[in-house]
Amino acid sequence: MANKMELISLEDLRKEFDVTCVDDIALLKRGRHTAKIKLPLKATPELASLFGYVLGDGHVKKNKVQFCYVNKSKELVEHITSCVKQTFDIEPTINFSEKYQLYFVYSPTVVARILIMLGAPVSRKTIQEIMLPDWITKGSQEIKRAFIRALFDDEGWVGITQGSFAIGFGQNKRRDLIETHKKYLEQIRCIIQEIGVQTSEIFRRSEKEDFIQLGFKIMGRDNIKKFLDEIGFNHKLKQEKLLHIINGYKQIQYSKHEAKLKVLGALQNGPLRSKHLGTLLNRDQKTIWKHLHKLADKGLVTKIGTKNKVLWGLKNNINPNNKI
């Protein structure tokens, strides 16, 4: 088994590949391709980025013979190509579809097998349980930043939601796997918060047929600036949009009627603490409390929970537009 310094032991590598060692370099051969890695195999930002892209727009094919990545962004294709070359000394194959305006990056079996050994899922991610491996969740800040940056390159968005600027994240999962999916998203949230960026609670973004999308948001100027400084994007357009938001950030103003509608809209996804409502709507807790108590007087919201953990939720499924 691998010791604490290495991700995969030489013994385990020999079970998967024809291995030739020259000093601290291992040549791993499987099929027509040979990878060159430095021993012991350790976590690097490049490897963490590849793992993030596997959980994003990339996937290991069902037959485990290729790692494929699909994206429109040329700079992401260049970045993932660089990560594969630096980690495995292999040049991926890149094809561009004029019809779909998409890049297809193919890395051979040896790359796919290593990613699987590191905890990557095989085939469709939406129909299987996924949890992050220890080398990511217990890795250095550098490893965590690289992983989150890559994952958000594919699955993150930057824009305006519920009247406030935000960075958001969401992924789909088959309905019967939703509880495990929540735990997986909690792992991602914990990593982001360990880096120093606060997020909203996990909420249901959408659902279609047998699939549900769960996600969370990062809101508030200081918090968004922290994300920019500590994580950021490799995706050029998302990074530019993030910079634009920071440089032109100002709190969006609402009328009293609009503000109450925003509070009720946020509660449509389920009960929340006033603190989390404030984060979602970019308002201080005192302002949120005023709105909540006025809505409670109108019979639209109610307190849920105990004295030490008070949540606010919608009451009796009343249509708020008819009551405010």
C-alpha atoms as a PDB file:
ATOM      1  CA  MET A   1       0.000   0.000   0.000  1.00  0.00           C
ATOM      2  CA  ALA A   2       1.038   3.614  -0.559  1.00  0.00           C
ATOM      3  CA  ASN A   3       2.604   5.441   2.379  1.00  0.00           C
ATOM      4  CA  LYS A   4       1.570   8.946   3.444  1.00  0.00           C
ATOM      5  CA  MET A   5       3.952  10.556   0.957  1.00  0.00           C
ATOM      6  CA  GLU A   6       2.711   8.766  -2.136  1.00  0.00           C
ATOM      7  CA  LEU A   7      -0.723   8.465  -3.736  1.00  0.00           C
ATOM      8  CA  ILE A   8      -0.175   5.040  -5.318  1.00  0.00           C
ATOM      9  CA  SER A   9       2.523   2.570  -4.342  1.00  0.00           C
ATOM     10  CA  LEU A  10       4.884   0.991  -6.861  1.00  0.00           C
ATOM     11  CA  GLU A  11       3.403  -2.372  -5.873  1.00  0.00           C
ATOM     12  CA  ASP A  12      -0.092  -1.223  -6.877  1.00  0.00           C
ATOM     13  CA  LEU A  13       1.203   0.344 -10.096  1.00  0.00           C
ATOM     14  CA  ARG A  14       2.706  -3.008 -11.103  1.00  0.00           C
ATOM     15  CA  LYS A  15      -0.753  -4.590 -10.817  1.00  0.00           C
ATOM     16  CA  GLU A  16      -2.096  -2.257 -13.524  1.00  0.00           C
ATOM     17  CA  PHE A  17       0.878  -1.575 -15.804  1.00  0.00           C
ATOM     18  CA  ASP A  18       4.100  -2.947 -17.208  1.00  0.00           C
ATOM     19  CA  VAL A  19       6.507  -0.905 -15.068  1.00  0.00           C
ATOM     20  CA  THR A  20      10.143  -0.085 -15.751  1.00  0.00           C
ATOM     21  CA  CYS A  21      11.971   1.991 -13.140  1.00  0.00           C
ATOM     22  CA  VAL A  22      15.018   4.150 -13.833  1.00  0.00           C
ATOM     23  CA  ASP A  23      16.173   5.867 -10.662  1.00  0.00           C
ATOM     24  CA  ASP A  24      13.120   7.855  -9.445  1.00  0.00           C
ATOM     25  CA  ILE A  25      11.283   7.661 -12.789  1.00  0.00           C
ATOM     26  CA  ALA A  26       8.707   4.965 -13.605  1.00  0.00           C
ATOM     27  CA  LEU A  27       7.695   4.128 -17.162  1.00  0.00           C
ATOM     28  CA  LEU A  28       4.118   2.834 -17.140  1.00  0.00           C
ATOM     29  CA  LYS A  29       2.946   0.974 -20.222  1.00  0.00           C
ATOM     30  CA  ARG A  30      -0.582  -0.154 -20.976  1.00  0.00           C
ATOM     31  CA  GLY A  31      -1.734  -0.644 -24.549  1.00  0.00           C
ATOM     32  CA  ARG A  32       0.122   1.470 -27.117  1.00  0.00           C
ATOM     33  CA  HIS A  33       1.113   4.292 -24.774  1.00  0.00           C
ATOM     34  CA  THR A  34       3.741   4.723 -22.099  1.00  0.00           C
ATOM     35  CA  ALA A  35       3.540   7.321 -19.344  1.00  0.00           C
ATOM     36  CA  LYS A  36       6.512   8.673 -17.439  1.00  0.00           C
ATOM     37  CA  ILE A  37       5.923   9.627 -13.804  1.00  0.00           C
ATOM     38  CA  LYS A  38       8.202  10.636 -10.974  1.00  0.00           C
ATOM     39  CA  LEU A  39       8.302   8.362  -7.935  1.00  0.00           C
ATOM     40  CA  PRO A  40       6.827   8.523  -5.419  1.00  0.00           C
ATOM     41  CA  LEU A  41       3.643   9.738  -7.114  1.00  0.00           C
ATOM     42  CA  LYS A  42       2.506  12.737  -5.055  1.00  0.00           C
ATOM     43  CA  ALA A  43      -0.383  15.158  -5.213  1.00  0.00           C
ATOM     44  CA  THR A  44       0.358  18.160  -7.421  1.00  0.00           C
ATOM     45  CA  PRO A  45      -1.781  21.112  -8.574  1.00  0.00           C
ATOM     46  CA  GLU A  46      -1.774  19.613 -12.075  1.00  0.00           C
ATOM     47  CA  LEU A  47      -3.075  16.264 -10.827  1.00  0.00           C
ATOM     48  CA  ALA A  48      -5.683  18.002  -8.641  1.00  0.00           C
ATOM     49  CA  SER A  49      -6.799  20.041 -11.662  1.00  0.00           C
ATOM     50  CA  LEU A  50      -7.200  16.888 -13.746  1.00  0.00           C
ATOM     51  CA  PHE A  51      -9.314  15.351 -10.995  1.00  0.00           C
ATOM     52  CA  GLY A  52     -11.498  18.477 -10.929  1.00  0.00           C
ATOM     53  CA  TYR A  53     -12.017  18.262 -14.679  1.00  0.00           C
ATOM     54  CA  VAL A  54     -12.901  14.546 -14.416  1.00  0.00           C
ATOM     55  CA  LEU A  55     -15.753  15.570 -12.086  1.00  0.00           C
ATOM     56  CA  GLY A  56     -16.726  18.406 -14.423  1.00  0.00           C
ATOM     57  CA  ASP A  57     -16.873  18.181 -18.217  1.00  0.00           C
ATOM     58  CA  GLY A  58     -14.494  15.250 -18.407  1.00  0.00           C
ATOM     59  CA  HIS A  59     -15.102  11.548 -17.902  1.00  0.00           C
ATOM     60  CA  VAL A  60     -13.361   8.202 -17.941  1.00  0.00           C
ATOM     61  CA  LYS A  61     -14.984   6.070 -20.617  1.00  0.00           C
ATOM     62  CA  LYS A  62     -16.983   3.022 -19.577  1.00  0.00           C
ATOM     63  CA  ASN A  63     -14.372   0.605 -20.968  1.00  0.00           C
ATOM     64  CA  LYS A  64     -11.655   2.516 -19.025  1.00  0.00           C
ATOM     65  CA  VAL A  65      -9.513   2.968 -22.126  1.00  0.00           C
ATOM     66  CA  GLN A  66      -9.642   6.773 -22.330  1.00  0.00           C
ATOM     67  CA  PHE A  67     -10.031   9.947 -20.346  1.00  0.00           C
ATOM     68  CA  CYS A  68     -12.065  12.365 -22.461  1.00  0.00           C
ATOM     69  CA  TYR A  69     -12.659  16.073 -21.878  1.00  0.00           C
ATOM     70  CA  VAL A  70     -15.150  18.180 -23.868  1.00  0.00           C
ATOM     71  CA  ASN A  71     -15.363  21.979 -23.756  1.00  0.00           C
ATOM     72  CA  LYS A  72     -15.750  25.101 -25.891  1.00  0.00           C
ATOM     73  CA  SER A  73     -12.972  26.980 -24.114  1.00  0.00           C
ATOM     74  CA  LYS A  74      -9.624  26.915 -25.906  1.00  0.00           C
ATOM     75  CA  GLU A  75      -7.724  28.044 -22.792  1.00  0.00           C
ATOM     76  CA  LEU A  76      -9.204  25.190 -20.726  1.00  0.00           C
ATOM     77  CA  VAL A  77      -8.204  22.699 -23.407  1.00  0.00           C
ATOM     78  CA  GLU A  78      -4.681  24.134 -23.362  1.00  0.00           C
ATOM     79  CA  HIS A  79      -4.605  23.968 -19.558  1.00  0.00           C
ATOM     80  CA  ILE A  80      -5.780  20.365 -19.306  1.00  0.00           C
ATOM     81  CA  THR A  81      -3.341  19.382 -22.068  1.00  0.00           C
ATOM     82  CA  SER A  82      -0.522  20.986 -20.094  1.00  0.00           C
ATOM     83  CA  CYS A  83      -1.612  19.141 -16.921  1.00  0.00           C
ATOM     84  CA  VAL A  84      -1.537  15.773 -18.717  1.00  0.00           C
ATOM     85  CA  LYS A  85       1.872  16.494 -20.264  1.00  0.00           C
ATOM     86  CA  GLN A  86       3.428  17.666 -16.987  1.00  0.00           C
ATOM     87  CA  THR A  87       2.025  14.735 -14.984  1.00  0.00           C
ATOM     88  CA  PHE A  88       2.372  11.851 -17.436  1.00  0.00           C
ATOM     89  CA  ASP A  89       4.719  13.087 -20.185  1.00  0.00           C
ATOM     90  CA  ILE A  90       2.009  12.215 -22.709  1.00  0.00           C
ATOM     91  CA  GLU A  91       0.596  14.419 -25.457  1.00  0.00           C
ATOM     92  CA  PRO A  92      -3.227  14.173 -25.540  1.00  0.00           C
ATOM     93  CA  THR A  93      -5.102  14.063 -28.836  1.00  0.00           C
ATOM     94  CA  ILE A  94      -7.227  17.167 -29.549  1.00  0.00           C
ATOM     95  CA  ASN A  95     -10.070  17.269 -32.070  1.00  0.00           C
ATOM     96  CA  PHE A  96     -12.295  20.235 -32.844  1.00  0.00           C
ATOM     97  CA  SER A  97     -15.892  19.869 -34.073  1.00  0.00           C
ATOM     98  CA  GLU A  98     -16.879  22.673 -36.429  1.00  0.00           C
ATOM     99  CA  LYS A  99     -20.488  21.540 -36.214  1.00  0.00           C
ATOM    100  CA  TYR A 100     -20.747  21.796 -32.421  1.00  0.00           C
ATOM    101  CA  GLN A 101     -17.898  24.284 -31.857  1.00  0.00           C
ATOM    102  CA  LEU A 102     -16.440  21.957 -29.225  1.00  0.00           C
ATOM    103  CA  TYR A 103     -12.963  20.672 -28.423  1.00  0.00           C
ATOM    104  CA  PHE A 104     -12.526  16.973 -27.637  1.00  0.00           C
ATOM    105  CA  VAL A 105      -9.389  16.062 -25.676  1.00  0.00           C
ATOM    106  CA  TYR A 106      -8.474  12.363 -25.486  1.00  0.00           C
ATOM    107  CA  SER A 107      -5.883  10.938 -23.101  1.00  0.00           C
ATOM    108  CA  PRO A 108      -4.940   7.229 -23.362  1.00  0.00           C
ATOM    109  CA  THR A 109      -5.590   4.246 -21.093  1.00  0.00           C
ATOM    110  CA  VAL A 110      -2.625   4.814 -18.817  1.00  0.00           C
ATOM    111  CA  VAL A 111      -3.985   8.253 -17.817  1.00  0.00           C
ATOM    112  CA  ALA A 112      -7.520   6.905 -17.385  1.00  0.00           C
ATOM    113  CA  ARG A 113      -6.326   4.040 -15.170  1.00  0.00           C
ATOM    114  CA  ILE A 114      -4.271   6.305 -12.907  1.00  0.00           C
ATOM    115  CA  LEU A 115      -7.252   8.634 -12.448  1.00  0.00           C
ATOM    116  CA  ILE A 116      -9.430   5.643 -11.524  1.00  0.00           C
ATOM    117  CA  MET A 117      -6.839   4.513  -8.979  1.00  0.00           C
ATOM    118  CA  LEU A 118      -6.963   8.016  -7.497  1.00  0.00           C
ATOM    119  CA  GLY A 119     -10.746   7.804  -7.031  1.00  0.00           C
ATOM    120  CA  ALA A 120     -12.202   9.060 -10.314  1.00  0.00           C
ATOM    121  CA  PRO A 121     -15.629   7.680 -11.332  1.00  0.00           C
ATOM    122  CA  VAL A 122     -16.050   5.707 -14.538  1.00  0.00           C
ATOM    123  CA  SER A 123     -18.687   6.557 -17.151  1.00  0.00           C
ATOM    124  CA  ARG A 124     -21.787   8.690 -16.340  1.00  0.00           C
ATOM    125  CA  LYS A 125     -21.383  10.620 -13.104  1.00  0.00           C
ATOM    126  CA  THR A 126     -25.084  11.458 -12.746  1.00  0.00           C
ATOM    127  CA  ILE A 127     -26.104   7.836 -12.164  1.00  0.00           C
ATOM    128  CA  GLN A 128     -23.560   6.798  -9.520  1.00  0.00           C
ATOM    129  CA  GLU A 129     -22.503   7.786  -6.024  1.00  0.00           C
ATOM    130  CA  ILE A 130     -19.376   9.953  -5.859  1.00  0.00           C
ATOM    131  CA  MET A 131     -17.312  11.063  -2.871  1.00  0.00           C
ATOM    132  CA  LEU A 132     -14.024  12.965  -2.886  1.00  0.00           C
ATOM    133  CA  PRO A 133     -10.861  11.014  -1.989  1.00  0.00           C
ATOM    134  CA  ASP A 134      -8.724  11.882   1.034  1.00  0.00           C
ATOM    135  CA  TRP A 135      -5.835  13.210  -1.060  1.00  0.00           C
ATOM    136  CA  ILE A 136      -8.167  16.035  -2.138  1.00  0.00           C
ATOM    137  CA  THR A 137     -10.114  16.667   1.090  1.00  0.00           C
ATOM    138  CA  LYS A 138      -6.994  16.402   3.281  1.00  0.00           C
ATOM    139  CA  GLY A 139      -4.594  17.906   0.785  1.00  0.00           C
ATOM    140  CA  SER A 140      -2.654  21.162   1.036  1.00  0.00           C
ATOM    141  CA  GLN A 141      -4.292  24.535   0.343  1.00  0.00           C
ATOM    142  CA  GLU A 142      -2.532  24.541  -3.033  1.00  0.00           C
ATOM    143  CA  ILE A 143      -4.093  21.182  -3.949  1.00  0.00           C
ATOM    144  CA  LYS A 144      -7.543  22.288  -2.784  1.00  0.00           C
ATOM    145  CA  ARG A 145      -7.356  25.555  -4.728  1.00  0.00           C
ATOM    146  CA  ALA A 146      -6.334  23.788  -7.947  1.00  0.00           C
ATOM    147  CA  PHE A 147      -9.127  21.221  -7.580  1.00  0.00           C
ATOM    148  CA  ILE A 148     -11.876  23.795  -6.854  1.00  0.00           C
ATOM    149  CA  ARG A 149     -10.655  26.112  -9.615  1.00  0.00           C
ATOM    150  CA  ALA A 150     -10.870  23.316 -12.204  1.00  0.00           C
ATOM    151  CA  LEU A 151     -14.240  22.089 -10.961  1.00  0.00           C
ATOM    152  CA  PHE A 152     -15.679  25.622 -11.080  1.00  0.00           C
ATOM    153  CA  ASP A 153     -14.216  26.155 -14.563  1.00  0.00           C
ATOM    154  CA  ASP A 154     -16.722  23.544 -15.729  1.00  0.00           C
ATOM    155  CA  GLU A 155     -19.581  23.570 -13.222  1.00  0.00           C
ATOM    156  CA  GLY A 156     -19.485  27.111 -11.793  1.00  0.00           C
ATOM    157  CA  TRP A 157     -21.197  30.252 -13.071  1.00  0.00           C
ATOM    158  CA  VAL A 158     -20.938  33.981 -12.451  1.00  0.00           C
ATOM    159  CA  GLY A 159     -23.948  36.303 -12.685  1.00  0.00           C
ATOM    160  CA  ILE A 160     -26.906  37.893 -10.949  1.00  0.00           C
ATOM    161  CA  THR A 161     -29.360  35.814  -8.957  1.00  0.00           C
ATOM    162  CA  GLN A 162     -32.220  36.976  -6.742  1.00  0.00           C
ATOM    163  CA  GLY A 163     -31.100  40.561  -7.321  1.00  0.00           C
ATOM    164  CA  SER A 164     -27.472  40.112  -6.213  1.00  0.00           C
ATOM    165  CA  PHE A 165     -24.166  39.260  -7.840  1.00  0.00           C
ATOM    166  CA  ALA A 166     -23.081  35.700  -7.167  1.00  0.00           C
ATOM    167  CA  ILE A 167     -20.804  32.818  -8.031  1.00  0.00           C
ATOM    168  CA  GLY A 168     -22.810  29.621  -8.218  1.00  0.00           C
ATOM    169  CA  PHE A 169     -22.216  25.891  -8.462  1.00  0.00           C
ATOM    170  CA  GLY A 170     -24.586  23.089  -9.400  1.00  0.00           C
ATOM    171  CA  GLN A 171     -24.520  19.462 -10.520  1.00  0.00           C
ATOM    172  CA  ASN A 172     -27.211  16.958 -11.455  1.00  0.00           C
ATOM    173  CA  LYS A 173     -27.802  13.560  -9.906  1.00  0.00           C
ATOM    174  CA  ARG A 174     -30.358  10.804 -10.311  1.00  0.00           C
ATOM    175  CA  ARG A 175     -33.173  11.290  -7.823  1.00  0.00           C
ATOM    176  CA  ASP A 176     -32.555   8.088  -5.838  1.00  0.00           C
ATOM    177  CA  LEU A 177     -28.925   9.134  -5.175  1.00  0.00           C
ATOM    178  CA  ILE A 178     -29.720  12.621  -3.913  1.00  0.00           C
ATOM    179  CA  GLU A 179     -28.751  12.047  -0.245  1.00  0.00           C
ATOM    180  CA  THR A 180     -25.257  10.897  -1.174  1.00  0.00           C
ATOM    181  CA  HIS A 181     -25.059  13.787  -3.636  1.00  0.00           C
ATOM    182  CA  LYS A 182     -25.690  16.215  -0.756  1.00  0.00           C
ATOM    183  CA  LYS A 183     -22.742  14.719   1.146  1.00  0.00           C
ATOM    184  CA  TYR A 184     -20.540  15.116  -1.927  1.00  0.00           C
ATOM    185  CA  LEU A 185     -21.524  18.777  -2.299  1.00  0.00           C
ATOM    186  CA  GLU A 186     -20.887  19.271   1.418  1.00  0.00           C
ATOM    187  CA  GLN A 187     -17.335  18.037   0.841  1.00  0.00           C
ATOM    188  CA  ILE A 188     -16.897  20.676  -1.855  1.00  0.00           C
ATOM    189  CA  ARG A 189     -18.402  23.398   0.351  1.00  0.00           C
ATOM    190  CA  CYS A 190     -16.105  22.434   3.233  1.00  0.00           C
ATOM    191  CA  ILE A 191     -13.019  22.735   1.016  1.00  0.00           C
ATOM    192  CA  ILE A 192     -14.120  26.182  -0.180  1.00  0.00           C
ATOM    193  CA  GLN A 193     -14.789  27.334   3.372  1.00  0.00           C
ATOM    194  CA  GLU A 194     -11.410  25.992   4.540  1.00  0.00           C
ATOM    195  CA  ILE A 195      -9.837  28.226   1.888  1.00  0.00           C
ATOM    196  CA  GLY A 196     -11.681  31.145   3.524  1.00  0.00           C
ATOM    197  CA  VAL A 197     -14.702  31.642   1.253  1.00  0.00           C
ATOM    198  CA  GLN A 198     -18.205  31.339   2.723  1.00  0.00           C
ATOM    199  CA  THR A 199     -21.063  29.715   0.805  1.00  0.00           C
ATOM    200  CA  SER A 200     -24.812  29.415   1.124  1.00  0.00           C
ATOM    201  CA  GLU A 201     -26.412  26.193   2.258  1.00  0.00           C
ATOM    202  CA  ILE A 202     -27.046  23.534  -0.393  1.00  0.00           C
ATOM    203  CA  PHE A 203     -30.386  23.965  -2.121  1.00  0.00           C
ATOM    204  CA  ARG A 204     -32.356  22.391  -4.956  1.00  0.00           C
ATOM    205  CA  ARG A 205     -31.795  24.394  -8.142  1.00  0.00           C
ATOM    206  CA  SER A 206     -33.945  22.424 -10.577  1.00  0.00           C
ATOM    207  CA  GLU A 207     -35.315  19.010 -11.413  1.00  0.00           C
ATOM    208  CA  LYS A 208     -36.165  17.271 -14.650  1.00  0.00           C
ATOM    209  CA  GLU A 209     -37.662  13.811 -14.892  1.00  0.00           C
ATOM    210  CA  ASP A 210     -35.483  11.488 -12.784  1.00  0.00           C
ATOM    211  CA  PHE A 211     -32.688  14.021 -12.170  1.00  0.00           C
ATOM    212  CA  ILE A 212     -32.306  16.782  -9.593  1.00  0.00           C
ATOM    213  CA  GLN A 213     -29.736  19.560  -9.580  1.00  0.00           C
ATOM    214  CA  LEU A 214     -28.360  20.639  -6.212  1.00  0.00           C
ATOM    215  CA  GLY A 215     -26.118  23.638  -5.755  1.00  0.00           C
ATOM    216  CA  PHE A 216     -24.940  26.516  -3.603  1.00  0.00           C
ATOM    217  CA  LYS A 217     -23.887  30.147  -4.033  1.00  0.00           C
ATOM    218  CA  ILE A 218     -21.106  32.515  -3.025  1.00  0.00           C
ATOM    219  CA  MET A 219     -22.411  36.036  -2.431  1.00  0.00           C
ATOM    220  CA  GLY A 220     -21.392  39.424  -1.032  1.00  0.00           C
ATOM    221  CA  ARG A 221     -18.620  41.632  -2.422  1.00  0.00           C
ATOM    222  CA  ASP A 222     -15.959  40.738   0.165  1.00  0.00           C
ATOM    223  CA  ASN A 223     -16.723  37.033  -0.197  1.00  0.00           C
ATOM    224  CA  ILE A 224     -16.638  37.151  -3.997  1.00  0.00           C
ATOM    225  CA  LYS A 225     -13.365  39.106  -3.837  1.00  0.00           C
ATOM    226  CA  LYS A 226     -11.979  36.405  -1.545  1.00  0.00           C
ATOM    227  CA  PHE A 227     -12.899  33.762  -4.128  1.00  0.00           C
ATOM    228  CA  LEU A 228     -11.139  35.810  -6.812  1.00  0.00           C
ATOM    229  CA  ASP A 229      -7.991  36.225  -4.707  1.00  0.00           C
ATOM    230  CA  GLU A 230      -7.796  32.677  -3.352  1.00  0.00           C
ATOM    231  CA  ILE A 231      -9.251  30.546  -6.172  1.00  0.00           C
ATOM    232  CA  GLY A 232     -10.370  32.303  -9.361  1.00  0.00           C
ATOM    233  CA  PHE A 233     -10.943  30.682 -12.747  1.00  0.00           C
ATOM    234  CA  ASN A 234      -8.751  29.264 -15.508  1.00  0.00           C
ATOM    235  CA  HIS A 235     -11.775  29.914 -17.742  1.00  0.00           C
ATOM    236  CA  LYS A 236     -11.009  33.281 -19.355  1.00  0.00           C
ATOM    237  CA  LEU A 237     -14.587  34.546 -19.779  1.00  0.00           C
ATOM    238  CA  LYS A 238     -15.613  33.571 -16.244  1.00  0.00           C
ATOM    239  CA  GLN A 239     -12.501  35.216 -14.807  1.00  0.00           C
ATOM    240  CA  GLU A 240     -13.188  38.414 -16.780  1.00  0.00           C
ATOM    241  CA  LYS A 241     -16.801  38.415 -15.632  1.00  0.00           C
ATOM    242  CA  LEU A 242     -15.674  37.964 -12.042  1.00  0.00           C
ATOM    243  CA  LEU A 243     -13.250  40.893 -12.342  1.00  0.00           C
ATOM    244  CA  HIS A 244     -15.996  43.009 -13.886  1.00  0.00           C
ATOM    245  CA  ILE A 245     -18.323  42.249 -10.974  1.00  0.00           C
ATOM    246  CA  ILE A 246     -15.670  43.158  -8.392  1.00  0.00           C
ATOM    247  CA  ASN A 247     -14.675  46.368 -10.154  1.00  0.00           C
ATOM    248  CA  GLY A 248     -18.254  47.549 -10.640  1.00  0.00           C
ATOM    249  CA  TYR A 249     -19.866  46.022  -7.582  1.00  0.00           C
ATOM    250  CA  LYS A 250     -22.625  47.909  -5.867  1.00  0.00           C
ATOM    251  CA  GLN A 251     -25.521  46.644  -3.825  1.00  0.00           C
ATOM    252  CA  ILE A 252     -28.707  46.335  -5.842  1.00  0.00           C
ATOM    253  CA  GLN A 253     -31.506  48.346  -4.275  1.00  0.00           C
ATOM    254  CA  TYR A 254     -35.071  47.082  -3.877  1.00  0.00           C
ATOM    255  CA  SER A 255     -38.343  48.673  -2.967  1.00  0.00           C
ATOM    256  CA  LYS A 256     -39.869  47.302   0.274  1.00  0.00           C
ATOM    257  CA  HIS A 257     -42.278  45.203  -1.799  1.00  0.00           C
ATOM    258  CA  GLU A 258     -39.445  43.794  -3.957  1.00  0.00           C
ATOM    259  CA  ALA A 259     -37.298  43.034  -0.899  1.00  0.00           C
ATOM    260  CA  LYS A 260     -40.059  40.976   0.710  1.00  0.00           C
ATOM    261  CA  LEU A 261     -40.612  39.092  -2.545  1.00  0.00           C
ATOM    262  CA  LYS A 262     -36.880  38.295  -2.657  1.00  0.00           C
ATOM    263  CA  VAL A 263     -37.047  36.888   0.886  1.00  0.00           C
ATOM    264  CA  LEU A 264     -40.081  34.757   0.012  1.00  0.00           C
ATOM    265  CA  GLY A 265     -38.421  33.616  -3.216  1.00  0.00           C
ATOM    266  CA  ALA A 266     -35.333  32.477  -1.330  1.00  0.00           C
ATOM    267  CA  LEU A 267     -37.522  30.464   1.054  1.00  0.00           C
ATOM    268  CA  GLN A 268     -39.163  28.598  -1.830  1.00  0.00           C
ATOM    269  CA  ASN A 269     -36.227  26.148  -1.712  1.00  0.00           C
ATOM    270  CA  GLY A 270     -36.863  25.346   1.956  1.00  0.00           C
ATOM    271  CA  PRO A 271     -36.388  26.850   5.434  1.00  0.00           C
ATOM    272  CA  LEU A 272     -33.276  28.958   6.072  1.00  0.00           C
ATOM    273  CA  ARG A 273     -31.630  30.764   8.943  1.00  0.00           C
ATOM    274  CA  SER A 274     -31.750  34.557   8.820  1.00  0.00           C
ATOM    275  CA  LYS A 275     -27.955  34.623   8.486  1.00  0.00           C
ATOM    276  CA  HIS A 276     -28.077  32.506   5.338  1.00  0.00           C
ATOM    277  CA  LEU A 277     -30.889  34.633   3.915  1.00  0.00           C
ATOM    278  CA  GLY A 278     -28.669  37.651   4.432  1.00  0.00           C
ATOM    279  CA  THR A 279     -25.831  35.946   2.549  1.00  0.00           C
ATOM    280  CA  LEU A 280     -28.125  34.997  -0.329  1.00  0.00           C
ATOM    281  CA  LEU A 281     -29.663  38.460  -0.649  1.00  0.00           C
ATOM    282  CA  ASN A 282     -26.529  40.443   0.223  1.00  0.00           C
ATOM    283  CA  ARG A 283     -28.220  42.178   3.161  1.00  0.00           C
ATOM    284  CA  ASP A 284     -27.252  42.491   6.820  1.00  0.00           C
ATOM    285  CA  GLN A 285     -29.031  40.269   9.332  1.00  0.00           C
ATOM    286  CA  LYS A 286     -30.870  43.184  10.975  1.00  0.00           C
ATOM    287  CA  THR A 287     -32.526  44.129   7.667  1.00  0.00           C
ATOM    288  CA  ILE A 288     -33.486  40.496   7.025  1.00  0.00           C
ATOM    289  CA  TRP A 289     -35.014  40.241  10.511  1.00  0.00           C
ATOM    290  CA  LYS A 290     -37.225  43.276   9.848  1.00  0.00           C
ATOM    291  CA  HIS A 291     -38.541  41.768   6.623  1.00  0.00           C
ATOM    292  CA  LEU A 292     -39.110  38.358   8.241  1.00  0.00           C
ATOM    293  CA  HIS A 293     -41.098  39.759  11.158  1.00  0.00           C
ATOM    294  CA  LYS A 294     -43.289  41.853   8.850  1.00  0.00           C
ATOM    295  CA  LEU A 295     -43.903  38.793   6.688  1.00  0.00           C
ATOM    296  CA  ALA A 296     -44.685  36.769   9.813  1.00  0.00           C
ATOM    297  CA  ASP A 297     -47.262  39.407  10.843  1.00  0.00           C
ATOM    298  CA  LYS A 298     -48.937  38.877   7.464  1.00  0.00           C
ATOM    299  CA  GLY A 299     -49.002  35.105   8.009  1.00  0.00           C
ATOM    300  CA  LEU A 300     -46.607  34.362   5.161  1.00  0.00           C
ATOM    301  CA  VAL A 301     -43.633  32.970   7.063  1.00  0.00           C
ATOM    302  CA  THR A 302     -43.117  31.197  10.354  1.00  0.00           C
ATOM    303  CA  LYS A 303     -40.300  30.192  12.684  1.00  0.00           C
ATOM    304  CA  ILE A 304     -39.189  26.571  12.642  1.00  0.00           C
ATOM    305  CA  GLY A 305     -36.837  24.793  15.032  1.00  0.00           C
ATOM    306  CA  THR A 306     -35.485  25.386  18.498  1.00  0.00           C
ATOM    307  CA  LYS A 307     -34.313  28.486  20.320  1.00  0.00           C
ATOM    308  CA  ASN A 308     -30.682  27.750  19.448  1.00  0.00           C
ATOM    309  CA  LYS A 309     -31.354  26.995  15.785  1.00  0.00           C
ATOM    310  CA  VAL A 310     -34.206  29.064  14.398  1.00  0.00           C
ATOM    311  CA  LEU A 311     -35.134  28.582  10.748  1.00  0.00           C
ATOM    312  CA  TRP A 312     -37.641  30.588   8.766  1.00  0.00           C
ATOM    313  CA  GLY A 313     -39.978  28.923   6.287  1.00  0.00           C
ATOM    314  CA  LEU A 314     -43.035  29.630   4.159  1.00  0.00           C
ATOM    315  CA  LYS A 315     -46.358  29.139   5.913  1.00  0.00           C
ATOM    316  CA  ASN A 316     -49.253  27.128   4.485  1.00  0.00           C
ATOM    317  CA  ASN A 317     -48.047  27.424   0.875  1.00  0.00           C
ATOM    318  CA  ILE A 318     -49.789  30.811   0.526  1.00  0.00           C
ATOM    319  CA  ASN A 319     -49.183  32.667  -2.715  1.00  0.00           C
ATOM    320  CA  PRO A 320     -47.096  35.645  -1.532  1.00  0.00           C
ATOM    321  CA  ASN A 321     -48.105  37.865  -4.467  1.00  0.00           C
ATOM    322  CA  ASN A 322     -51.659  37.954  -3.155  1.00  0.00           C
ATOM    323  CA  LYS A 323     -50.729  38.901   0.407  1.00  0.00           C
ATOM    324  CA  ILE A 324     -47.938  41.490   0.453  1.00  0.00           C
END
